[in-house]
N, C-alpha and C. Protein backbone atom coordinates (compact mmCIF):
# COMPACT_ATOMS: atom_id res chain seq x y z
N MET A 1 10.25 -22.15 21.98
CA MET A 1 9.08 -22.84 22.08
C MET A 1 8.05 -21.80 21.70
N ARG A 2 7.63 -21.92 20.43
CA ARG A 2 6.52 -21.07 19.91
C ARG A 2 5.17 -21.18 20.68
N SER A 3 4.53 -22.18 20.80
CA SER A 3 3.41 -22.44 21.54
C SER A 3 3.53 -22.05 22.76
N CYS A 4 4.70 -22.44 23.59
CA CYS A 4 4.77 -22.18 24.91
C CYS A 4 4.63 -20.47 25.28
N SER A 5 5.08 -19.83 24.36
CA SER A 5 4.90 -18.29 24.50
C SER A 5 3.53 -17.89 24.14
N LEU A 6 3.06 -18.43 23.04
CA LEU A 6 1.54 -18.13 22.63
C LEU A 6 0.67 -18.42 23.68
N ILE A 7 0.91 -19.52 24.44
CA ILE A 7 -0.23 -20.10 25.39
C ILE A 7 0.17 -19.06 26.64
N PHE A 8 1.32 -19.03 27.11
CA PHE A 8 1.87 -18.30 28.08
C PHE A 8 1.13 -16.52 28.02
N GLY A 9 1.32 -16.19 26.79
CA GLY A 9 0.92 -14.81 26.57
C GLY A 9 -0.59 -14.79 26.84
N ILE A 10 -1.33 -15.67 26.27
CA ILE A 10 -2.76 -15.50 26.69
C ILE A 10 -2.98 -15.71 28.03
N LEU A 11 -2.28 -16.60 28.81
CA LEU A 11 -2.61 -16.64 30.27
C LEU A 11 -2.18 -15.58 31.12
N LEU A 12 -1.11 -14.97 30.70
CA LEU A 12 -0.69 -13.97 31.70
C LEU A 12 -1.68 -12.57 31.43
N CYS A 13 -2.44 -12.60 30.24
CA CYS A 13 -3.26 -11.38 30.04
C CYS A 13 -4.54 -11.80 31.35
N PHE A 14 -4.67 -12.83 31.84
CA PHE A 14 -5.86 -12.97 32.71
C PHE A 14 -5.40 -13.57 34.09
N TYR A 15 -4.01 -13.50 34.04
CA TYR A 15 -3.32 -14.22 35.34
C TYR A 15 -3.87 -13.39 36.74
N GLU A 16 -4.08 -12.16 36.69
CA GLU A 16 -4.80 -11.54 37.91
C GLU A 16 -6.19 -11.91 38.12
N LEU A 17 -6.81 -12.43 37.28
CA LEU A 17 -8.33 -12.84 37.20
C LEU A 17 -8.44 -14.34 37.37
N ILE A 18 -7.32 -14.98 37.33
CA ILE A 18 -7.35 -16.41 37.45
C ILE A 18 -6.28 -16.53 38.26
N LEU A 19 -6.25 -16.44 39.63
CA LEU A 19 -5.35 -16.57 40.65
C LEU A 19 -4.90 -17.88 41.00
N THR A 20 -5.57 -18.99 40.91
CA THR A 20 -5.24 -20.30 41.40
C THR A 20 -4.95 -21.25 40.44
N LEU A 21 -4.09 -22.06 40.51
CA LEU A 21 -3.78 -23.35 39.79
C LEU A 21 -5.09 -24.25 39.55
N GLU A 22 -5.87 -24.19 40.53
CA GLU A 22 -7.14 -25.01 40.39
C GLU A 22 -7.85 -24.35 39.34
N LEU A 23 -8.05 -22.90 39.34
CA LEU A 23 -8.85 -22.33 38.21
C LEU A 23 -8.32 -22.36 37.11
N ILE A 24 -6.91 -22.29 36.87
CA ILE A 24 -5.90 -22.55 35.59
C ILE A 24 -6.41 -23.64 35.16
N SER A 25 -6.29 -24.60 35.94
CA SER A 25 -6.73 -26.33 35.29
C SER A 25 -8.28 -26.24 35.10
N SER A 26 -9.00 -25.58 35.80
CA SER A 26 -10.65 -26.18 35.41
C SER A 26 -11.02 -25.10 34.54
N ILE A 27 -10.34 -23.82 34.39
CA ILE A 27 -10.97 -22.97 33.24
C ILE A 27 -9.89 -22.71 32.04
N PHE A 28 -8.74 -22.11 32.22
CA PHE A 28 -7.79 -21.83 31.21
C PHE A 28 -7.70 -23.24 30.41
N PHE A 29 -7.25 -24.36 30.93
CA PHE A 29 -6.77 -25.50 29.98
C PHE A 29 -7.99 -26.03 29.30
N PRO A 30 -9.39 -26.32 29.81
CA PRO A 30 -10.09 -26.51 29.03
C PRO A 30 -10.78 -25.58 27.87
N LEU A 31 -10.66 -24.43 27.90
CA LEU A 31 -10.46 -23.40 27.07
C LEU A 31 -9.60 -23.43 25.95
N LEU A 32 -8.44 -23.70 26.35
CA LEU A 32 -7.29 -24.08 25.34
C LEU A 32 -7.41 -25.44 24.69
N PHE A 33 -8.18 -26.27 25.29
CA PHE A 33 -8.39 -27.58 24.54
C PHE A 33 -9.50 -27.29 23.47
N PHE A 34 -10.54 -26.86 24.15
CA PHE A 34 -11.42 -26.60 23.27
C PHE A 34 -11.11 -25.63 21.91
N LYS A 35 -10.26 -24.60 21.88
CA LYS A 35 -9.92 -23.71 20.98
C LYS A 35 -9.00 -24.72 20.14
N ARG A 36 -8.22 -25.53 20.49
CA ARG A 36 -7.40 -26.30 19.79
C ARG A 36 -8.20 -27.27 18.89
N ILE A 37 -9.08 -28.09 19.73
CA ILE A 37 -9.83 -28.94 18.97
C ILE A 37 -10.62 -28.55 17.73
N CYS A 38 -11.01 -27.02 18.04
CA CYS A 38 -11.64 -26.54 16.96
C CYS A 38 -11.02 -26.17 15.67
N ASP A 39 -9.72 -25.40 16.09
CA ASP A 39 -8.83 -25.00 15.21
C ASP A 39 -8.34 -26.39 14.37
N VAL A 40 -8.01 -27.28 14.95
CA VAL A 40 -7.60 -28.45 14.19
C VAL A 40 -8.69 -28.86 13.42
N TYR A 41 -9.91 -29.15 13.69
CA TYR A 41 -11.18 -29.50 13.30
C TYR A 41 -11.19 -28.48 11.80
N ASP A 42 -11.16 -27.44 11.68
CA ASP A 42 -11.11 -26.49 10.35
C ASP A 42 -9.78 -26.65 9.73
N GLU A 43 -8.85 -26.83 10.22
CA GLU A 43 -7.47 -27.18 9.39
C GLU A 43 -7.78 -28.32 8.89
N GLU A 44 -8.34 -29.55 9.57
CA GLU A 44 -8.76 -30.70 8.57
C GLU A 44 -9.60 -30.36 7.61
N ILE A 45 -10.51 -29.65 7.53
CA ILE A 45 -11.25 -29.33 6.70
C ILE A 45 -10.69 -28.87 5.46
N SER A 46 -10.05 -27.77 5.59
CA SER A 46 -9.08 -27.05 4.70
C SER A 46 -8.40 -28.31 4.02
N LEU A 47 -7.75 -29.13 4.71
CA LEU A 47 -6.87 -30.07 3.96
C LEU A 47 -7.62 -30.96 3.11
N ALA A 48 -8.62 -31.48 3.60
CA ALA A 48 -9.42 -32.41 2.97
C ALA A 48 -10.23 -31.85 1.54
N ILE A 49 -10.40 -30.58 1.59
CA ILE A 49 -11.06 -29.89 0.46
C ILE A 49 -9.82 -29.66 -0.40
N GLN A 50 -8.39 -29.58 0.00
CA GLN A 50 -7.59 -29.15 -1.01
C GLN A 50 -7.08 -30.54 -1.47
N GLU A 51 -7.16 -31.63 -0.83
CA GLU A 51 -6.80 -32.75 -1.41
C GLU A 51 -8.10 -33.62 -2.11
N TYR A 52 -9.17 -33.30 -1.78
CA TYR A 52 -10.29 -34.18 -2.29
C TYR A 52 -11.21 -33.34 -3.25
N GLY A 53 -11.20 -31.97 -2.90
CA GLY A 53 -11.91 -30.98 -3.65
C GLY A 53 -13.53 -31.12 -2.94
N ASP A 54 -14.73 -31.05 -4.06
CA ASP A 54 -15.94 -31.03 -3.29
C ASP A 54 -16.41 -32.54 -2.91
N ASP A 55 -15.41 -33.61 -3.21
CA ASP A 55 -15.69 -35.10 -2.92
C ASP A 55 -15.35 -35.10 -1.58
N ALA A 56 -14.75 -34.00 -0.83
CA ALA A 56 -14.53 -34.00 0.54
C ALA A 56 -15.68 -34.11 1.33
N LYS A 57 -17.03 -33.57 0.83
CA LYS A 57 -18.02 -33.52 1.75
C LYS A 57 -18.93 -35.01 1.71
N GLU A 58 -18.46 -35.84 0.81
CA GLU A 58 -18.95 -37.08 0.91
C GLU A 58 -18.11 -38.08 2.02
N PHE A 59 -17.05 -37.76 2.62
CA PHE A 59 -16.68 -38.42 3.60
C PHE A 59 -17.25 -38.42 5.12
N ASP A 60 -17.24 -39.47 5.83
CA ASP A 60 -17.93 -39.34 7.05
C ASP A 60 -17.04 -38.37 7.98
N GLU A 61 -17.62 -37.69 9.04
CA GLU A 61 -16.60 -36.85 9.69
C GLU A 61 -15.54 -37.37 10.46
N HIS A 62 -15.95 -38.57 11.02
CA HIS A 62 -14.76 -39.32 11.80
C HIS A 62 -13.43 -39.71 10.72
N GLU A 63 -13.84 -39.95 9.50
CA GLU A 63 -12.79 -40.26 8.55
C GLU A 63 -11.81 -39.09 8.18
N ILE A 64 -12.27 -37.73 8.47
CA ILE A 64 -11.40 -36.81 8.15
C ILE A 64 -10.94 -35.91 9.26
N HIS A 65 -11.79 -36.35 10.24
CA HIS A 65 -11.29 -35.51 11.71
C HIS A 65 -10.87 -36.34 12.81
N THR A 66 -9.63 -35.77 13.39
CA THR A 66 -9.21 -36.34 14.62
C THR A 66 -10.51 -36.34 15.64
N PHE A 67 -10.95 -35.14 15.83
CA PHE A 67 -12.17 -34.95 16.82
C PHE A 67 -13.09 -34.45 16.09
N VAL A 68 -14.46 -34.92 16.07
CA VAL A 68 -15.59 -34.11 15.40
C VAL A 68 -16.11 -33.08 16.28
N VAL A 69 -16.40 -31.71 15.68
CA VAL A 69 -17.22 -30.78 16.15
C VAL A 69 -18.54 -30.64 15.92
N PRO A 70 -19.72 -30.99 16.51
CA PRO A 70 -20.97 -30.90 16.10
C PRO A 70 -21.37 -29.55 15.57
N LYS A 71 -22.25 -29.41 14.71
CA LYS A 71 -22.82 -28.29 14.20
C LYS A 71 -23.45 -27.49 15.40
N GLY A 72 -23.17 -26.21 15.66
CA GLY A 72 -23.61 -25.44 16.77
C GLY A 72 -22.91 -25.29 18.05
N TYR A 73 -21.76 -25.83 18.09
CA TYR A 73 -20.94 -26.30 19.25
C TYR A 73 -19.44 -25.86 18.98
N HIS A 74 -19.18 -25.33 17.77
CA HIS A 74 -17.79 -25.06 17.48
C HIS A 74 -17.51 -23.51 18.21
N TRP A 75 -16.22 -23.35 18.45
CA TRP A 75 -15.75 -22.25 19.05
C TRP A 75 -16.43 -21.16 18.50
N ASN A 76 -16.54 -20.74 17.17
CA ASN A 76 -16.95 -19.81 16.71
C ASN A 76 -18.48 -19.48 16.99
N ASP A 77 -19.15 -20.57 17.20
CA ASP A 77 -20.44 -20.56 17.69
C ASP A 77 -20.62 -19.87 18.94
N VAL A 78 -19.78 -20.55 20.13
CA VAL A 78 -19.83 -20.04 21.50
C VAL A 78 -19.24 -18.70 21.43
N ARG A 79 -18.35 -18.24 20.65
CA ARG A 79 -17.90 -16.90 20.83
C ARG A 79 -18.85 -15.72 20.22
N VAL A 80 -19.91 -15.91 19.53
CA VAL A 80 -21.11 -15.15 19.29
C VAL A 80 -21.80 -14.80 20.38
N VAL A 81 -21.92 -15.95 21.34
CA VAL A 81 -23.09 -15.75 22.52
C VAL A 81 -22.50 -14.70 23.48
N SER A 82 -23.77 -14.03 23.67
CA SER A 82 -23.38 -12.60 24.33
C SER A 82 -23.98 -12.55 26.05
N GLU A 83 -24.96 -13.52 26.22
CA GLU A 83 -25.45 -14.03 27.29
C GLU A 83 -25.34 -15.13 27.66
N ASN A 84 -25.12 -15.66 28.98
CA ASN A 84 -24.99 -16.99 29.64
C ASN A 84 -24.03 -17.81 28.75
N VAL A 85 -22.85 -17.02 28.68
CA VAL A 85 -21.64 -17.69 27.87
C VAL A 85 -21.27 -18.94 28.49
N GLY A 86 -21.27 -18.79 29.91
CA GLY A 86 -20.85 -19.99 30.70
C GLY A 86 -21.75 -21.50 30.14
N VAL A 87 -23.01 -21.17 30.13
CA VAL A 87 -23.86 -22.30 29.35
C VAL A 87 -23.55 -22.82 28.19
N ALA A 88 -23.28 -21.74 27.32
CA ALA A 88 -22.54 -22.18 25.80
C ALA A 88 -21.67 -22.77 25.83
N ILE A 89 -20.51 -22.39 26.68
CA ILE A 89 -19.24 -23.21 26.66
C ILE A 89 -19.74 -24.49 27.16
N VAL A 90 -20.30 -24.93 28.53
CA VAL A 90 -20.51 -26.33 28.88
C VAL A 90 -21.28 -26.94 27.89
N ASN A 91 -22.43 -26.48 27.19
CA ASN A 91 -22.92 -27.31 26.26
C ASN A 91 -22.08 -27.79 25.06
N ALA A 92 -21.04 -26.78 24.58
CA ALA A 92 -20.24 -27.20 23.78
C ALA A 92 -19.30 -28.35 24.08
N PHE A 93 -18.82 -28.10 25.42
CA PHE A 93 -18.09 -29.10 26.01
C PHE A 93 -18.70 -30.67 25.81
N ARG A 94 -19.78 -30.50 26.43
CA ARG A 94 -20.57 -31.64 26.52
C ARG A 94 -20.81 -32.64 25.14
N GLU A 95 -21.22 -31.62 24.34
CA GLU A 95 -21.62 -32.12 22.85
C GLU A 95 -20.30 -33.01 22.29
N ILE A 96 -19.29 -32.15 22.43
CA ILE A 96 -18.26 -32.52 21.91
C ILE A 96 -17.58 -33.80 22.69
N GLU A 97 -17.59 -33.78 23.77
CA GLU A 97 -17.58 -35.31 24.55
C GLU A 97 -18.20 -36.18 23.99
N LYS A 98 -19.51 -35.97 23.83
CA LYS A 98 -20.59 -37.08 23.62
C LYS A 98 -20.16 -37.60 22.31
N VAL A 99 -19.98 -36.76 21.18
CA VAL A 99 -19.53 -37.26 19.71
C VAL A 99 -18.20 -37.75 19.68
N ASN A 100 -17.46 -37.56 20.74
CA ASN A 100 -15.98 -38.17 20.61
C ASN A 100 -15.67 -38.94 21.97
N SER A 101 -16.89 -39.69 22.43
CA SER A 101 -16.92 -40.25 23.85
C SER A 101 -15.54 -41.26 24.01
N GLU A 102 -15.09 -42.01 22.97
CA GLU A 102 -14.05 -42.98 23.15
C GLU A 102 -12.81 -41.99 23.41
N LYS A 103 -12.58 -40.98 23.11
CA LYS A 103 -11.48 -40.18 23.02
C LYS A 103 -11.64 -39.11 24.04
N LEU A 104 -12.56 -38.49 24.28
CA LEU A 104 -12.63 -37.29 25.14
C LEU A 104 -13.68 -37.19 26.27
N GLN A 105 -14.06 -38.37 26.63
CA GLN A 105 -15.10 -38.50 27.48
C GLN A 105 -14.42 -37.78 28.93
N GLY A 106 -15.04 -36.60 29.41
CA GLY A 106 -14.48 -35.93 30.64
C GLY A 106 -13.71 -35.07 30.54
N ILE A 107 -12.78 -34.94 29.28
CA ILE A 107 -11.67 -34.20 29.16
C ILE A 107 -11.82 -32.69 29.47
N PHE A 108 -12.98 -32.13 29.69
CA PHE A 108 -13.03 -30.54 29.78
C PHE A 108 -13.60 -30.54 31.33
N GLY A 109 -13.55 -31.32 31.97
CA GLY A 109 -13.89 -31.33 33.48
C GLY A 109 -15.20 -30.75 33.94
N ASP A 110 -15.26 -30.23 35.24
CA ASP A 110 -16.40 -29.68 35.84
C ASP A 110 -16.20 -28.45 36.28
N GLY A 111 -15.65 -27.71 35.62
CA GLY A 111 -15.30 -26.21 35.90
C GLY A 111 -16.78 -25.46 36.20
N ALA A 112 -16.57 -24.39 37.03
CA ALA A 112 -17.82 -23.52 37.39
C ALA A 112 -18.57 -22.58 36.33
N TRP A 113 -18.47 -22.88 35.15
CA TRP A 113 -18.49 -22.13 34.15
C TRP A 113 -19.96 -21.45 34.20
N THR A 114 -20.91 -21.74 35.14
CA THR A 114 -22.12 -21.10 34.83
C THR A 114 -22.39 -20.15 36.32
N ASN A 115 -21.26 -20.24 36.87
CA ASN A 115 -21.24 -19.45 38.18
C ASN A 115 -20.86 -18.01 37.76
N LYS A 116 -22.24 -16.95 37.49
CA LYS A 116 -21.62 -15.74 37.06
C LYS A 116 -21.03 -14.77 38.15
N LYS A 117 -20.88 -15.10 39.42
CA LYS A 117 -20.28 -14.41 40.24
C LYS A 117 -18.89 -14.60 40.24
N ARG A 118 -18.24 -15.79 39.93
CA ARG A 118 -17.14 -16.30 39.69
C ARG A 118 -16.46 -15.98 38.17
N LEU A 119 -17.43 -16.20 37.27
CA LEU A 119 -17.21 -16.13 35.97
C LEU A 119 -18.07 -15.31 35.12
N PRO A 120 -18.12 -14.13 35.46
CA PRO A 120 -19.04 -13.29 34.72
C PRO A 120 -18.93 -13.39 32.94
N ASP A 121 -20.09 -13.02 32.37
CA ASP A 121 -20.19 -13.07 30.97
C ASP A 121 -19.17 -12.44 30.61
N ARG A 122 -18.76 -11.04 30.97
CA ARG A 122 -17.91 -10.32 30.36
C ARG A 122 -16.49 -11.08 30.61
N LEU A 123 -16.11 -11.61 31.58
CA LEU A 123 -14.75 -12.42 31.65
C LEU A 123 -14.71 -13.34 30.96
N LEU A 124 -15.76 -14.29 30.60
CA LEU A 124 -15.70 -15.25 29.55
C LEU A 124 -15.66 -14.91 28.16
N LYS A 125 -16.24 -13.87 27.85
CA LYS A 125 -16.07 -13.16 26.53
C LYS A 125 -14.71 -12.72 26.31
N ASP A 126 -14.28 -12.10 27.25
CA ASP A 126 -12.66 -11.40 27.08
C ASP A 126 -11.81 -12.63 26.93
N LEU A 127 -11.84 -14.04 27.64
CA LEU A 127 -11.09 -14.97 27.51
C LEU A 127 -11.30 -15.48 26.12
N LEU A 128 -12.51 -15.81 25.41
CA LEU A 128 -12.62 -16.46 24.15
C LEU A 128 -12.29 -15.25 23.17
N GLU A 129 -12.28 -13.95 23.27
CA GLU A 129 -11.78 -12.94 22.38
C GLU A 129 -10.18 -13.18 22.38
N HIS A 130 -9.73 -13.13 23.62
CA HIS A 130 -8.17 -13.35 23.64
C HIS A 130 -7.44 -14.72 22.88
N PHE A 131 -8.39 -15.63 23.21
CA PHE A 131 -7.90 -16.98 22.49
C PHE A 131 -8.24 -16.83 21.13
N SER A 132 -9.27 -16.19 20.59
CA SER A 132 -9.49 -15.98 19.22
C SER A 132 -8.57 -15.51 18.44
N SER A 133 -7.70 -14.55 19.10
CA SER A 133 -6.74 -13.79 18.44
C SER A 133 -5.61 -14.98 18.09
N LYS A 134 -5.49 -16.06 18.45
CA LYS A 134 -4.37 -17.03 18.25
C LYS A 134 -5.07 -18.20 17.32
N THR A 135 -4.34 -18.85 16.62
CA THR A 135 -4.62 -20.13 15.86
C THR A 135 -3.89 -21.20 16.60
N LEU A 136 -4.47 -22.10 16.85
CA LEU A 136 -3.84 -23.34 17.69
C LEU A 136 -3.99 -24.54 16.73
N SER A 137 -3.74 -24.27 15.43
CA SER A 137 -4.01 -25.40 14.51
C SER A 137 -2.54 -26.37 14.35
N LEU A 138 -2.50 -27.37 13.87
CA LEU A 138 -1.18 -28.26 14.00
C LEU A 138 -0.16 -27.58 13.13
N ALA A 139 -0.75 -26.66 12.19
CA ALA A 139 0.44 -26.19 11.37
C ALA A 139 1.28 -25.10 12.38
N ASN A 140 0.28 -24.46 12.89
CA ASN A 140 0.66 -23.03 13.87
C ASN A 140 1.43 -23.68 15.17
N CYS A 141 1.10 -24.63 15.50
CA CYS A 141 1.44 -25.16 16.83
C CYS A 141 1.29 -26.42 17.02
N PRO A 142 2.36 -27.17 16.52
CA PRO A 142 2.60 -28.58 16.51
C PRO A 142 2.34 -29.17 17.85
N GLU A 143 1.94 -30.36 17.85
CA GLU A 143 1.59 -31.21 19.15
C GLU A 143 2.70 -31.36 20.27
N ASP A 144 3.88 -31.74 19.83
CA ASP A 144 4.94 -31.42 20.75
C ASP A 144 5.15 -30.07 21.60
N GLU A 145 5.08 -29.24 20.69
CA GLU A 145 5.17 -27.84 21.29
C GLU A 145 4.20 -27.47 22.21
N LEU A 146 2.96 -27.71 21.79
CA LEU A 146 1.87 -27.48 22.63
C LEU A 146 1.77 -28.39 24.05
N GLY A 147 2.04 -29.66 23.83
CA GLY A 147 2.43 -30.43 25.10
C GLY A 147 3.64 -29.94 26.07
N GLN A 148 4.61 -29.52 25.51
CA GLN A 148 5.82 -28.79 26.12
C GLN A 148 5.08 -27.50 26.73
N GLY A 149 4.61 -26.76 26.10
CA GLY A 149 3.71 -25.36 26.82
C GLY A 149 2.90 -25.91 27.92
N TYR A 150 2.20 -26.71 27.75
CA TYR A 150 1.28 -27.18 28.81
C TYR A 150 1.87 -27.31 29.82
N GLU A 151 2.90 -28.38 29.93
CA GLU A 151 3.82 -28.96 30.96
C GLU A 151 4.31 -27.53 31.76
N TYR A 152 5.09 -26.94 30.86
CA TYR A 152 5.89 -25.80 31.46
C TYR A 152 4.76 -24.85 32.05
N LEU A 153 3.62 -24.55 31.64
CA LEU A 153 2.69 -23.85 32.52
C LEU A 153 2.43 -24.50 33.77
N ILE A 154 1.69 -25.85 33.59
CA ILE A 154 1.62 -26.55 34.73
C ILE A 154 2.66 -26.24 35.99
N LYS A 155 3.82 -26.70 35.45
CA LYS A 155 4.97 -26.68 36.37
C LYS A 155 5.30 -25.18 36.84
N LYS A 156 5.13 -24.12 36.32
CA LYS A 156 5.29 -22.97 36.69
C LYS A 156 4.34 -22.26 37.45
N PHE A 157 3.02 -22.66 37.48
CA PHE A 157 2.28 -22.04 38.28
C PHE A 157 1.99 -22.80 39.50
N ALA A 158 2.37 -24.28 39.42
CA ALA A 158 2.42 -25.08 40.70
C ALA A 158 3.57 -24.67 41.52
N ASP A 159 4.75 -24.27 40.84
CA ASP A 159 5.67 -23.53 41.59
C ASP A 159 5.42 -22.47 42.37
N ASP A 160 4.68 -21.49 41.52
CA ASP A 160 4.03 -20.11 42.25
C ASP A 160 3.16 -20.19 43.18
N SER A 161 2.56 -21.59 43.18
CA SER A 161 1.32 -21.56 43.98
C SER A 161 1.87 -22.30 45.17
N GLY A 162 3.09 -22.77 45.43
CA GLY A 162 3.53 -23.62 46.43
C GLY A 162 3.04 -25.32 46.21
N HIS A 163 2.71 -25.51 45.07
CA HIS A 163 2.25 -27.08 45.04
C HIS A 163 3.40 -27.55 44.27
N THR A 164 3.22 -28.81 43.77
CA THR A 164 4.17 -29.58 42.82
C THR A 164 3.45 -29.91 41.68
N ALA A 165 4.26 -29.80 40.31
CA ALA A 165 3.28 -29.98 39.30
C ALA A 165 2.81 -31.25 39.29
N GLN A 166 3.46 -32.29 39.82
CA GLN A 166 2.86 -33.75 39.94
C GLN A 166 1.47 -34.02 40.41
N GLU A 167 1.20 -32.74 40.99
CA GLU A 167 -0.30 -33.11 41.47
C GLU A 167 -1.35 -33.05 40.33
N PHE A 168 -0.71 -32.40 39.07
CA PHE A 168 -1.74 -31.96 38.13
C PHE A 168 -1.32 -32.74 36.79
N TYR A 169 -0.29 -33.58 36.73
CA TYR A 169 0.03 -34.26 35.69
C TYR A 169 1.25 -35.36 35.61
N THR A 170 1.37 -36.35 35.03
CA THR A 170 2.42 -36.97 35.11
C THR A 170 3.73 -36.69 34.26
N ASN A 171 4.69 -36.20 35.06
CA ASN A 171 5.92 -35.67 34.22
C ASN A 171 6.33 -36.47 33.38
N ARG A 172 7.29 -36.07 32.18
CA ARG A 172 7.98 -36.94 31.13
C ARG A 172 8.83 -38.04 31.65
N THR A 173 9.24 -37.68 32.98
CA THR A 173 10.52 -38.91 33.55
C THR A 173 9.79 -39.84 33.96
N VAL A 174 8.59 -39.73 34.53
CA VAL A 174 7.70 -40.84 34.89
C VAL A 174 7.08 -41.67 33.78
N VAL A 175 6.78 -40.75 32.71
CA VAL A 175 6.20 -41.38 31.57
C VAL A 175 7.18 -42.38 30.82
N ARG A 176 8.26 -41.84 30.79
CA ARG A 176 9.70 -42.43 30.02
C ARG A 176 9.73 -43.72 30.84
N LEU A 177 9.68 -43.47 32.16
CA LEU A 177 9.97 -44.75 33.03
C LEU A 177 8.98 -45.87 32.89
N MET A 178 7.74 -45.64 32.78
CA MET A 178 6.60 -46.51 32.73
C MET A 178 6.73 -47.08 31.09
N THR A 179 6.95 -46.26 30.26
CA THR A 179 7.11 -46.84 28.96
C THR A 179 8.17 -47.79 28.94
N GLU A 180 9.22 -47.58 29.30
CA GLU A 180 10.33 -48.49 29.45
C GLU A 180 10.00 -49.90 30.03
N ILE A 181 9.40 -49.60 31.10
CA ILE A 181 9.05 -50.99 32.04
C ILE A 181 8.10 -51.81 31.39
N LEU A 182 7.14 -50.97 30.62
CA LEU A 182 5.98 -51.80 30.37
C LEU A 182 6.34 -52.15 28.70
N LYS A 183 6.95 -51.53 27.90
CA LYS A 183 7.39 -51.70 26.47
C LYS A 183 5.97 -52.13 25.71
N PRO A 184 5.21 -50.70 25.65
CA PRO A 184 4.03 -51.07 24.97
C PRO A 184 4.36 -51.14 23.46
N ASP A 185 3.43 -51.81 22.71
CA ASP A 185 3.45 -52.08 21.27
C ASP A 185 2.57 -50.77 20.65
N SER A 186 3.11 -50.45 19.49
CA SER A 186 2.38 -49.35 18.71
C SER A 186 0.79 -49.79 18.75
N GLY A 187 0.10 -48.37 19.09
CA GLY A 187 -1.16 -48.55 19.14
C GLY A 187 -2.01 -48.74 20.60
N GLU A 188 -1.09 -49.56 21.33
CA GLU A 188 -1.35 -49.73 22.62
C GLU A 188 -1.42 -48.54 23.68
N SER A 189 -2.42 -48.44 24.45
CA SER A 189 -2.52 -47.46 25.61
C SER A 189 -2.00 -47.81 26.80
N ILE A 190 -1.32 -47.09 27.78
CA ILE A 190 -1.11 -46.95 28.91
C ILE A 190 -1.87 -46.64 30.10
N TYR A 191 -2.52 -47.27 30.91
CA TYR A 191 -3.51 -46.72 31.85
C TYR A 191 -2.58 -46.03 33.19
N ASP A 192 -2.86 -44.78 33.45
CA ASP A 192 -2.25 -44.50 34.64
C ASP A 192 -3.38 -44.09 35.64
N PRO A 193 -3.24 -45.00 36.65
CA PRO A 193 -4.28 -45.07 37.70
C PRO A 193 -4.42 -43.78 38.75
N THR A 194 -3.08 -42.91 38.41
CA THR A 194 -3.15 -41.81 39.31
C THR A 194 -3.48 -40.68 38.69
N CYS A 195 -3.76 -40.67 37.36
CA CYS A 195 -3.92 -39.51 36.57
C CYS A 195 -5.20 -38.70 37.09
N GLY A 196 -5.10 -37.62 37.23
CA GLY A 196 -6.00 -36.59 37.71
C GLY A 196 -6.33 -36.79 39.20
N SER A 197 -5.53 -37.28 39.95
CA SER A 197 -5.74 -37.37 41.30
C SER A 197 -5.57 -36.49 42.37
N ALA A 198 -5.38 -35.49 41.85
CA ALA A 198 -5.22 -34.12 42.79
C ALA A 198 -6.33 -33.67 43.34
């Protein structure tokens, strides 16, 4: 599982600094999602240019992108910030959520990004730089592999901390059962009322 080891490698470098599952879920995973969104955004631009050439510029961003990343709020924009890094991260999160509100509202959570005692600029810069060493595009890290890596890490760190992973995500067995019982049609979504209830 390529992505699991890729994600796991990133996390292990900072495991001593991010000791609790709550910090992992409020700091590590939002950064992972942010990096993934930006890498896929870049990948979609490249694919559109390959397919349409200069005409790719004529498309509305929502036509070629799964998620839109507003100008000035891309991973690379945040990466060059040297002071108040937490503020830059929060601003990028909120702008991405705003522009993709139907799909991403609240996805990044409410981590204490601006608490410099807990998350000093140096730590955040180190996290950004380490994540930057990996490309989380669809070609490099397919969706299924990323999802499996995410679930594995949630379970591993929940087990290590004495929690159960079900406090942080709905496991695949329950998802399969819900799907079997509800039998949704293609394109429909299922509401999980206990999602994020930890």
